[in-house]
Amino acid sequence: MEWRDQGILLSARTHGETSAIIEVFTPAQGRHAGVVRGGTSRKLAPVLQPGAQLDLVWRARLEDHIGTFTVEPVRSRAAASMGDRMALAGLNAVCALLMFCLPEREAHRRLYDKTERLLDLLGQSDIWPLAYLNWELALLEDMGFGLDLGTCAVMGAQANDLSYVSPRTGRAVSRAGAGEWADRLLPLPPCLLGAGPAPDAEVLEGLRVTGHFLHNRLAPEMGHKPLPAARQRFVDRFCAMTGLEGAHPARE
């Protein structure tokens, strides 16, 4: 068995004395693991850093074997995160969430494309937090928990003052439609509606919304494993960099 693809390195861990087991995210093969012979060597260890773009050849005797990878670097993203704590925290959050929720060997091409574009923006601190928020929306959608923010769940398409999100259904609710239930709903920041550039406080409010669904909808489907702590560390770093109060999603 053999395939060749490009992919994003999600993780690497030592295997035996000189090898490494890596997990990558590729457009055609999805999340896929394999052994890299000599992966801990001086030549390859600097290449096998999370977020790296790699050219990959995977070989195995049988399809269900872990197999081995031959890797060639395409581009490193380490430089974009070195010395930038928020970029490093964001990179770690992306890799951890993908490791957490992606099924093995199942293609998610649209999510892959969005992930590659997001990681190519690392280091651009003026636009990266909003780009990351939009990536979390895409992750939820690809995993089957997408938010429906096009029309009001109560009043339909006639409502034009969408202001809330139902914490149970993920559907938008207008101010008029919310009525006396408003205090039980999540605020809907304009940036989740594709309103373009957004202030930091609005992005943080958006992260609270996506965080709610990551914690309360996605995580339970993963066997009730806790959401990776790397995601909250990124939010905390964003808050520290901007001087905002943290976003800890409500639990049901």
Protein backbone atom coordinates (compact mmCIF):
# COMPACT_ATOMS: atom_id res chain seq x y z
CA MET A 1 0.00 0.00 0.00
CA GLU A 2 1.29 3.48 -0.82
CA TRP A 3 0.02 7.03 -1.17
CA ARG A 4 1.55 10.48 -1.56
CA ASP A 5 0.08 13.76 -0.37
CA GLN A 6 0.92 17.05 1.28
CA GLY A 7 -0.15 17.64 4.83
CA ILE A 8 0.08 19.55 8.09
CA LEU A 9 1.97 17.98 10.98
CA LEU A 10 -0.26 17.80 14.05
CA SER A 11 1.99 15.93 16.48
CA ALA A 12 5.21 13.95 16.80
CA ARG A 13 6.35 11.66 19.57
CA THR A 14 9.44 9.53 20.06
CA HIS A 15 9.19 5.89 19.05
CA GLY A 16 12.01 3.58 20.09
CA GLU A 17 15.52 5.00 20.09
CA THR A 18 15.61 6.93 16.83
CA SER A 19 12.17 6.95 15.22
CA ALA A 20 9.08 9.12 15.69
CA ILE A 21 5.36 8.51 15.29
CA ILE A 22 3.72 11.47 13.61
CA GLU A 23 0.12 12.39 12.95
CA VAL A 24 -0.67 14.55 9.96
CA PHE A 25 -3.75 16.13 8.43
CA THR A 26 -3.93 15.78 4.65
CA PRO A 27 -6.61 16.73 2.09
CA ALA A 28 -7.17 13.22 0.73
CA GLN A 29 -6.26 10.98 3.68
CA GLY A 30 -7.53 13.04 6.61
CA ARG A 31 -5.81 12.51 9.97
CA HIS A 32 -3.22 9.80 9.47
CA ALA A 33 -0.44 8.36 11.61
CA GLY A 34 2.81 6.69 10.65
CA VAL A 35 6.39 6.04 11.71
CA VAL A 36 9.26 8.22 10.53
CA ARG A 37 12.55 6.33 10.64
CA GLY A 38 15.26 8.55 12.09
CA GLY A 39 12.64 11.08 13.14
CA THR A 40 14.65 12.12 16.21
CA SER A 41 17.83 12.79 14.21
CA ARG A 42 19.40 16.23 13.89
CA LYS A 43 18.25 16.34 10.29
CA LEU A 44 14.59 15.48 10.82
CA ALA A 45 13.77 16.63 14.37
CA PRO A 46 13.72 20.34 13.38
CA VAL A 47 11.41 19.47 10.46
CA LEU A 48 8.91 17.56 12.60
CA GLN A 49 7.44 20.55 14.39
CA PRO A 50 3.66 21.05 14.80
CA GLY A 51 2.18 23.09 11.98
CA ALA A 52 4.89 22.20 9.47
CA GLN A 53 3.79 21.69 5.87
CA LEU A 54 5.20 18.39 4.65
CA ASP A 55 5.38 16.38 1.47
CA LEU A 56 4.51 12.82 2.54
CA VAL A 57 4.84 9.33 1.16
CA TRP A 58 3.17 6.61 3.27
CA ARG A 59 3.88 2.91 2.78
CA ALA A 60 2.59 -0.19 4.53
CA ARG A 61 2.23 -3.87 3.70
CA LEU A 62 -1.47 -3.79 4.57
CA GLU A 63 -3.88 -0.86 4.63
CA ASP A 64 -4.68 -1.20 8.34
CA HIS A 65 -1.02 -1.17 9.41
CA ILE A 66 0.43 2.01 10.91
CA GLY A 67 3.00 2.13 8.10
CA THR A 68 5.97 4.42 7.60
CA PHE A 69 6.29 7.96 6.31
CA THR A 70 8.98 9.47 4.17
CA VAL A 71 8.83 13.23 4.72
CA GLU A 72 10.20 16.28 2.93
CA PRO A 73 9.70 19.79 4.28
CA VAL A 74 7.60 22.16 2.19
CA ARG A 75 7.55 25.05 4.64
CA SER A 76 7.98 25.52 8.35
CA ARG A 77 5.64 27.66 10.40
CA ALA A 78 7.87 27.67 13.47
CA ALA A 79 9.35 31.08 12.65
CA ALA A 80 5.89 32.68 12.67
CA SER A 81 5.23 31.49 16.21
CA MET A 82 8.71 31.95 17.71
CA GLY A 83 8.67 34.91 20.07
CA ASP A 84 4.91 35.38 19.57
CA ARG A 85 3.08 33.74 22.46
CA MET A 86 -0.36 34.24 20.99
CA ALA A 87 0.66 32.71 17.65
CA LEU A 88 2.20 29.73 19.44
CA ALA A 89 -0.89 29.29 21.61
CA GLY A 90 -3.10 29.51 18.53
CA LEU A 91 -1.05 26.95 16.63
CA ASN A 92 -1.21 24.58 19.59
CA ALA A 93 -4.98 25.06 19.86
CA VAL A 94 -5.55 24.27 16.18
CA CYS A 95 -3.41 21.12 16.27
CA ALA A 96 -4.94 19.93 19.56
CA LEU A 97 -8.54 20.41 18.38
CA LEU A 98 -7.87 18.56 15.12
CA MET A 99 -6.22 15.70 17.01
CA PHE A 100 -9.21 15.68 19.36
CA CYS A 101 -12.08 15.49 16.91
CA LEU A 102 -10.91 14.28 13.51
CA PRO A 103 -11.63 10.60 12.85
CA GLU A 104 -8.65 8.67 11.55
CA ARG A 105 -8.22 8.28 7.79
CA GLU A 106 -11.36 10.20 6.83
CA ALA A 107 -10.99 13.06 4.37
CA HIS A 108 -12.18 16.53 5.38
CA ARG A 109 -10.92 18.50 2.41
CA ARG A 110 -12.82 21.73 3.05
CA LEU A 111 -11.65 21.86 6.66
CA TYR A 112 -8.12 21.05 5.53
CA ASP A 113 -8.13 24.00 3.10
CA LYS A 114 -9.39 26.35 5.81
CA THR A 115 -6.77 25.04 8.25
CA GLU A 116 -3.93 25.57 5.81
CA ARG A 117 -5.06 29.13 5.07
CA LEU A 118 -5.39 29.87 8.79
CA LEU A 119 -1.92 28.59 9.64
CA ASP A 120 -0.44 30.61 6.79
CA LEU A 121 -1.69 33.73 8.63
CA LEU A 122 0.26 32.90 11.80
CA GLY A 123 2.12 35.90 13.12
CA GLN A 124 -0.35 38.42 11.69
CA SER A 125 -1.73 39.33 15.08
CA ASP A 126 -4.05 42.03 13.73
CA ILE A 127 -6.20 39.56 11.76
CA TRP A 128 -5.38 36.14 13.25
CA PRO A 129 -7.86 36.05 16.18
CA LEU A 130 -10.84 36.69 13.91
CA ALA A 131 -9.50 34.20 11.36
CA TYR A 132 -9.18 31.65 14.15
CA LEU A 133 -12.76 32.30 15.27
CA ASN A 134 -14.01 31.70 11.73
CA TRP A 135 -11.96 28.48 11.66
CA GLU A 136 -13.73 27.26 14.83
CA LEU A 137 -17.06 27.90 13.09
CA ALA A 138 -15.82 25.80 10.15
CA LEU A 139 -14.64 23.05 12.50
CA LEU A 140 -18.05 22.87 14.18
CA GLU A 141 -19.79 22.73 10.79
CA ASP A 142 -17.52 20.00 9.46
CA MET A 143 -18.06 17.92 12.59
CA GLY A 144 -21.85 18.20 12.24
CA PHE A 145 -22.49 20.95 14.80
CA GLY A 146 -22.65 23.99 12.54
CA LEU A 147 -24.46 27.10 13.71
CA ASP A 148 -27.50 28.25 11.74
CA LEU A 149 -27.23 32.03 11.81
CA GLY A 150 -29.06 32.90 8.61
CA THR A 151 -32.58 33.49 9.94
CA CYS A 152 -34.39 33.86 13.25
CA ALA A 153 -35.47 30.53 14.73
CA VAL A 154 -38.66 32.16 16.04
CA MET A 155 -39.71 34.70 13.41
CA GLY A 156 -38.06 33.31 10.29
CA ALA A 157 -36.48 35.31 7.48
CA GLN A 158 -38.55 38.41 8.24
CA ALA A 159 -36.39 39.26 11.27
CA ASN A 160 -33.43 41.55 10.62
CA ASP A 161 -32.20 42.15 14.16
CA LEU A 162 -30.43 38.87 14.87
CA SER A 163 -28.96 39.29 18.34
CA TYR A 164 -28.78 35.91 20.07
CA VAL A 165 -27.88 32.24 19.57
CA SER A 166 -29.84 29.40 21.12
CA PRO A 167 -27.40 27.45 23.32
CA ARG A 168 -29.28 24.24 22.53
CA THR A 169 -29.91 24.41 18.78
CA GLY A 170 -27.23 26.81 17.56
CA ARG A 171 -29.84 28.83 15.69
CA ALA A 172 -29.95 32.61 15.60
CA VAL A 173 -32.74 34.49 17.40
CA SER A 174 -33.76 38.08 16.80
CA ARG A 175 -34.16 40.58 19.60
CA ALA A 176 -37.92 40.65 19.02
CA GLY A 177 -38.11 36.87 18.84
CA ALA A 178 -36.14 36.36 22.05
CA GLY A 179 -38.63 38.23 24.25
CA GLU A 180 -38.48 37.18 27.89
CA TRP A 181 -36.06 34.33 27.03
CA ALA A 182 -33.23 36.69 26.11
CA ASP A 183 -31.29 36.11 29.32
CA ARG A 184 -31.15 32.38 28.55
CA LEU A 185 -29.58 32.89 25.13
CA LEU A 186 -26.00 33.54 24.04
CA PRO A 187 -25.24 37.00 22.66
CA LEU A 188 -24.62 36.94 18.90
CA PRO A 189 -21.72 39.26 17.99
CA PRO A 190 -21.81 40.71 14.46
CA CYS A 191 -18.47 39.07 13.59
CA LEU A 192 -20.20 35.67 13.58
CA LEU A 193 -22.46 36.98 10.84
CA GLY A 194 -19.51 37.78 8.59
CA ALA A 195 -19.51 41.48 9.35
CA GLY A 196 -15.81 41.87 8.49
CA PRO A 197 -13.15 43.34 10.81
CA ALA A 198 -14.16 43.24 14.45
CA PRO A 199 -12.86 44.72 17.71
CA ASP A 200 -11.14 42.37 20.12
CA ALA A 201 -14.05 42.38 22.57
CA GLU A 202 -16.40 41.21 19.82
CA VAL A 203 -14.03 38.42 18.77
CA LEU A 204 -13.85 37.32 22.40
CA GLU A 205 -17.66 37.20 22.56
CA GLY A 206 -17.60 35.06 19.44
CA LEU A 207 -15.09 32.70 21.05
CA ARG A 208 -17.46 32.33 23.98
CA VAL A 209 -20.20 31.22 21.57
CA THR A 210 -18.04 28.71 19.67
CA GLY A 211 -16.54 27.56 22.97
CA HIS A 212 -20.00 26.74 24.29
CA PHE A 213 -20.68 24.41 21.37
CA LEU A 214 -17.21 22.89 21.46
CA HIS A 215 -17.65 22.07 25.16
CA ASN A 216 -21.30 21.11 25.22
CA ARG A 217 -21.94 19.59 21.81
CA LEU A 218 -18.71 18.43 20.20
CA ALA A 219 -16.84 17.14 23.26
CA PRO A 220 -19.64 14.81 24.46
CA GLU A 221 -19.66 13.16 21.04
CA MET A 222 -15.96 12.37 21.47
CA GLY A 223 -16.68 9.96 24.31
CA HIS A 224 -17.00 12.67 26.96
CA LYS A 225 -13.30 13.46 26.76
CA PRO A 226 -12.53 16.99 27.97
CA LEU A 227 -11.84 19.58 25.32
CA PRO A 228 -8.07 20.07 24.90
CA ALA A 229 -6.72 22.60 27.38
CA ALA A 230 -4.74 24.21 24.54
CA ARG A 231 -7.94 25.87 23.34
CA GLN A 232 -8.52 27.69 26.64
CA ARG A 233 -4.84 28.60 26.84
CA PHE A 234 -5.18 30.37 23.51
CA VAL A 235 -8.25 32.28 24.72
CA ASP A 236 -6.42 33.20 27.94
CA ARG A 237 -3.40 34.41 25.96
CA PHE A 238 -5.67 36.47 23.69
CA CYS A 239 -7.26 38.03 26.78
CA ALA A 240 -3.86 38.77 28.31
CA MET A 241 -2.63 40.40 25.10
CA THR A 242 -5.73 42.58 24.76
CA GLY A 243 -6.51 43.27 28.42
CA LEU A 244 -9.96 41.68 28.16
CA GLU A 245 -11.72 39.44 30.64
CA GLY A 246 -11.54 35.74 29.82
CA ALA A 247 -14.17 33.75 27.98
CA HIS A 248 -15.20 30.57 29.76
CA PRO A 249 -18.20 29.02 28.01
CA ALA A 250 -21.23 28.14 30.06
CA ARG A 251 -21.71 24.45 30.82
CA GLU A 252 -25.08 22.73 30.80
